[in-house]
Amino acid sequence: MKNEGKLDRILRVIAGVVLLSLVVIGPQTMWGLIGIVPLLTGLIGFCPVYKLFGWNTCPLERS
C-alpha cells in the first residue's frame, strides 16, 4: 500500500541521493548514510511515519 504521492517520492529520492553523496564527496561524514531512509521510502512509495500519523499524499489511495 502506497502512501506517498509522486512529488513526495521525487523529493525523497533527491534528498536521499544528496545525503548519500555526503559519504563520498563533501564533508565525507558517515551521517550521510541517513540518506538511505528517504531514498528507500521514495523508491518504495511507503513511509511508516505517514502510516503512524495517518497521513497520505498519494491521491489514488485516499478513497
N, C-alpha and C. Protein backbone atom coordinates (compact mmCIF):
# COMPACT_ATOMS: atom_id res chain seq x y z
N MET A 1 0.85 -1.17 0.00
CA MET A 1 0.00 0.00 0.00
C MET A 1 0.90 1.24 0.00
N LYS A 2 0.70 2.08 -0.96
CA LYS A 2 1.49 3.31 -1.06
C LYS A 2 0.78 4.45 -0.34
N ASN A 3 1.58 5.31 0.29
CA ASN A 3 1.00 6.46 0.96
C ASN A 3 1.77 7.75 0.63
N GLU A 4 2.55 7.72 -0.44
CA GLU A 4 3.30 8.89 -0.88
C GLU A 4 2.90 9.24 -2.31
N GLY A 5 2.70 10.52 -2.55
CA GLY A 5 2.39 10.99 -3.89
C GLY A 5 3.65 11.12 -4.74
N LYS A 6 3.46 11.44 -6.00
CA LYS A 6 4.57 11.50 -6.95
C LYS A 6 5.61 12.55 -6.55
N LEU A 7 5.17 13.76 -6.24
CA LEU A 7 6.11 14.82 -5.87
C LEU A 7 6.85 14.45 -4.58
N ASP A 8 6.14 13.92 -3.63
CA ASP A 8 6.74 13.49 -2.37
C ASP A 8 7.84 12.46 -2.62
N ARG A 9 7.56 11.49 -3.47
CA ARG A 9 8.54 10.44 -3.78
C ARG A 9 9.76 11.02 -4.49
N ILE A 10 9.54 11.92 -5.43
CA ILE A 10 10.66 12.52 -6.16
C ILE A 10 11.56 13.30 -5.21
N LEU A 11 10.96 14.10 -4.33
CA LEU A 11 11.74 14.88 -3.37
C LEU A 11 12.51 13.98 -2.40
N ARG A 12 11.92 12.88 -2.00
CA ARG A 12 12.60 11.95 -1.11
C ARG A 12 13.80 11.30 -1.79
N VAL A 13 13.64 10.91 -3.04
CA VAL A 13 14.76 10.29 -3.76
C VAL A 13 15.90 11.30 -3.93
N ILE A 14 15.57 12.52 -4.30
CA ILE A 14 16.59 13.56 -4.46
C ILE A 14 17.30 13.81 -3.12
N ALA A 15 16.54 13.94 -2.05
CA ALA A 15 17.13 14.17 -0.72
C ALA A 15 18.01 13.00 -0.31
N GLY A 16 17.57 11.80 -0.59
CA GLY A 16 18.35 10.62 -0.26
C GLY A 16 19.67 10.56 -1.00
N VAL A 17 19.64 10.87 -2.28
CA VAL A 17 20.87 10.86 -3.08
C VAL A 17 21.83 11.95 -2.61
N VAL A 18 21.29 13.13 -2.31
CA VAL A 18 22.13 14.24 -1.82
C VAL A 18 22.78 13.85 -0.49
N LEU A 19 22.01 13.29 0.42
CA LEU A 19 22.57 12.89 1.71
C LEU A 19 23.60 11.78 1.56
N LEU A 20 23.33 10.82 0.70
CA LEU A 20 24.29 9.75 0.47
C LEU A 20 25.58 10.26 -0.16
N SER A 21 25.48 11.32 -0.94
CA SER A 21 26.68 11.87 -1.57
C SER A 21 27.63 12.46 -0.52
N LEU A 22 27.11 12.80 0.66
CA LEU A 22 27.97 13.33 1.72
C LEU A 22 28.98 12.29 2.21
N VAL A 23 28.69 11.01 1.97
CA VAL A 23 29.62 9.97 2.38
C VAL A 23 30.83 9.95 1.45
N VAL A 24 30.62 10.27 0.18
CA VAL A 24 31.69 10.18 -0.82
C VAL A 24 32.34 11.53 -1.08
N ILE A 25 31.51 12.56 -1.25
CA ILE A 25 32.04 13.90 -1.51
C ILE A 25 31.58 14.83 -0.40
N GLY A 26 32.01 16.03 -0.42
CA GLY A 26 31.62 16.97 0.64
C GLY A 26 32.41 16.71 1.90
N PRO A 27 31.76 16.74 3.06
CA PRO A 27 32.49 16.56 4.32
C PRO A 27 32.90 15.11 4.59
N GLN A 28 32.47 14.17 3.76
CA GLN A 28 32.77 12.74 3.89
C GLN A 28 32.45 12.22 5.29
N THR A 29 31.26 12.46 5.71
CA THR A 29 30.80 12.02 7.03
C THR A 29 29.84 10.84 6.88
N MET A 30 29.88 9.95 7.84
CA MET A 30 29.00 8.78 7.81
C MET A 30 27.54 9.14 8.09
N TRP A 31 27.30 10.37 8.56
CA TRP A 31 25.93 10.83 8.77
C TRP A 31 25.14 10.83 7.46
N GLY A 32 25.84 10.86 6.35
CA GLY A 32 25.18 10.82 5.06
C GLY A 32 24.43 9.53 4.81
N LEU A 33 24.79 8.48 5.55
CA LEU A 33 24.08 7.20 5.39
C LEU A 33 22.62 7.29 5.79
N ILE A 34 22.26 8.32 6.52
CA ILE A 34 20.85 8.51 6.86
C ILE A 34 20.02 8.74 5.60
N GLY A 35 20.68 9.08 4.50
CA GLY A 35 20.00 9.27 3.22
C GLY A 35 19.39 8.00 2.68
N ILE A 36 19.76 6.85 3.24
CA ILE A 36 19.17 5.58 2.82
C ILE A 36 17.67 5.58 3.11
N VAL A 37 17.27 6.18 4.22
CA VAL A 37 15.86 6.17 4.63
C VAL A 37 14.97 6.90 3.61
N PRO A 38 15.24 8.19 3.29
CA PRO A 38 14.36 8.82 2.31
C PRO A 38 14.48 8.20 0.92
N LEU A 39 15.66 7.70 0.57
CA LEU A 39 15.82 7.07 -0.73
C LEU A 39 14.95 5.83 -0.83
N LEU A 40 15.00 4.97 0.15
CA LEU A 40 14.19 3.74 0.12
C LEU A 40 12.70 4.03 0.20
N THR A 41 12.30 4.94 1.08
CA THR A 41 10.86 5.24 1.17
C THR A 41 10.37 5.89 -0.11
N GLY A 42 11.22 6.69 -0.75
CA GLY A 42 10.82 7.30 -2.02
C GLY A 42 10.70 6.28 -3.13
N LEU A 43 11.60 5.31 -3.15
CA LEU A 43 11.55 4.28 -4.19
C LEU A 43 10.39 3.32 -3.97
N ILE A 44 10.12 2.99 -2.73
CA ILE A 44 9.04 2.05 -2.41
C ILE A 44 7.67 2.73 -2.48
N GLY A 45 7.62 4.00 -2.04
CA GLY A 45 6.35 4.73 -2.05
C GLY A 45 5.56 4.60 -0.76
N PHE A 46 6.20 4.04 0.26
CA PHE A 46 5.53 3.86 1.55
C PHE A 46 6.41 4.43 2.65
N CYS A 47 5.80 5.23 3.53
CA CYS A 47 6.51 5.83 4.66
C CYS A 47 5.84 5.37 5.95
N PRO A 48 6.57 4.66 6.82
CA PRO A 48 5.98 4.20 8.08
C PRO A 48 5.53 5.34 8.99
N VAL A 49 6.22 6.47 8.95
CA VAL A 49 5.82 7.62 9.78
C VAL A 49 4.48 8.17 9.30
N TYR A 50 4.28 8.23 7.98
CA TYR A 50 2.99 8.65 7.45
C TYR A 50 1.88 7.72 7.95
N LYS A 51 2.15 6.42 7.94
CA LYS A 51 1.17 5.44 8.40
C LYS A 51 0.85 5.65 9.88
N LEU A 52 1.87 5.92 10.68
CA LEU A 52 1.71 6.14 12.11
C LEU A 52 0.79 7.32 12.41
N PHE A 53 0.96 8.41 11.64
CA PHE A 53 0.15 9.60 11.86
C PHE A 53 -1.11 9.66 11.00
N GLY A 54 -1.31 8.69 10.12
CA GLY A 54 -2.49 8.65 9.27
C GLY A 54 -2.42 9.61 8.10
N TRP A 55 -1.21 10.02 7.71
CA TRP A 55 -1.04 10.93 6.58
C TRP A 55 -0.99 10.15 5.29
N ASN A 56 -1.39 10.82 4.20
CA ASN A 56 -1.36 10.18 2.90
C ASN A 56 -1.25 11.27 1.83
N THR A 57 -0.20 11.24 1.03
CA THR A 57 -0.06 12.21 -0.05
C THR A 57 -0.31 11.57 -1.41
N CYS A 58 -0.70 10.31 -1.42
CA CYS A 58 -0.97 9.61 -2.66
C CYS A 58 -2.46 9.76 -3.01
N PRO A 59 -2.75 10.46 -4.10
CA PRO A 59 -4.16 10.71 -4.43
C PRO A 59 -4.96 9.44 -4.76
N LEU A 60 -4.31 8.40 -5.22
CA LEU A 60 -5.03 7.19 -5.60
C LEU A 60 -5.45 6.37 -4.38
N GLU A 61 -4.75 6.48 -3.28
CA GLU A 61 -5.03 5.67 -2.10
C GLU A 61 -5.93 6.37 -1.09
N ARG A 62 -6.35 7.59 -1.35
CA ARG A 62 -7.15 8.33 -0.37
C ARG A 62 -8.57 7.83 -0.26
N SER A 63 -9.14 7.31 -1.33
CA SER A 63 -10.55 6.92 -1.30
C SER A 63 -10.80 5.58 -0.65
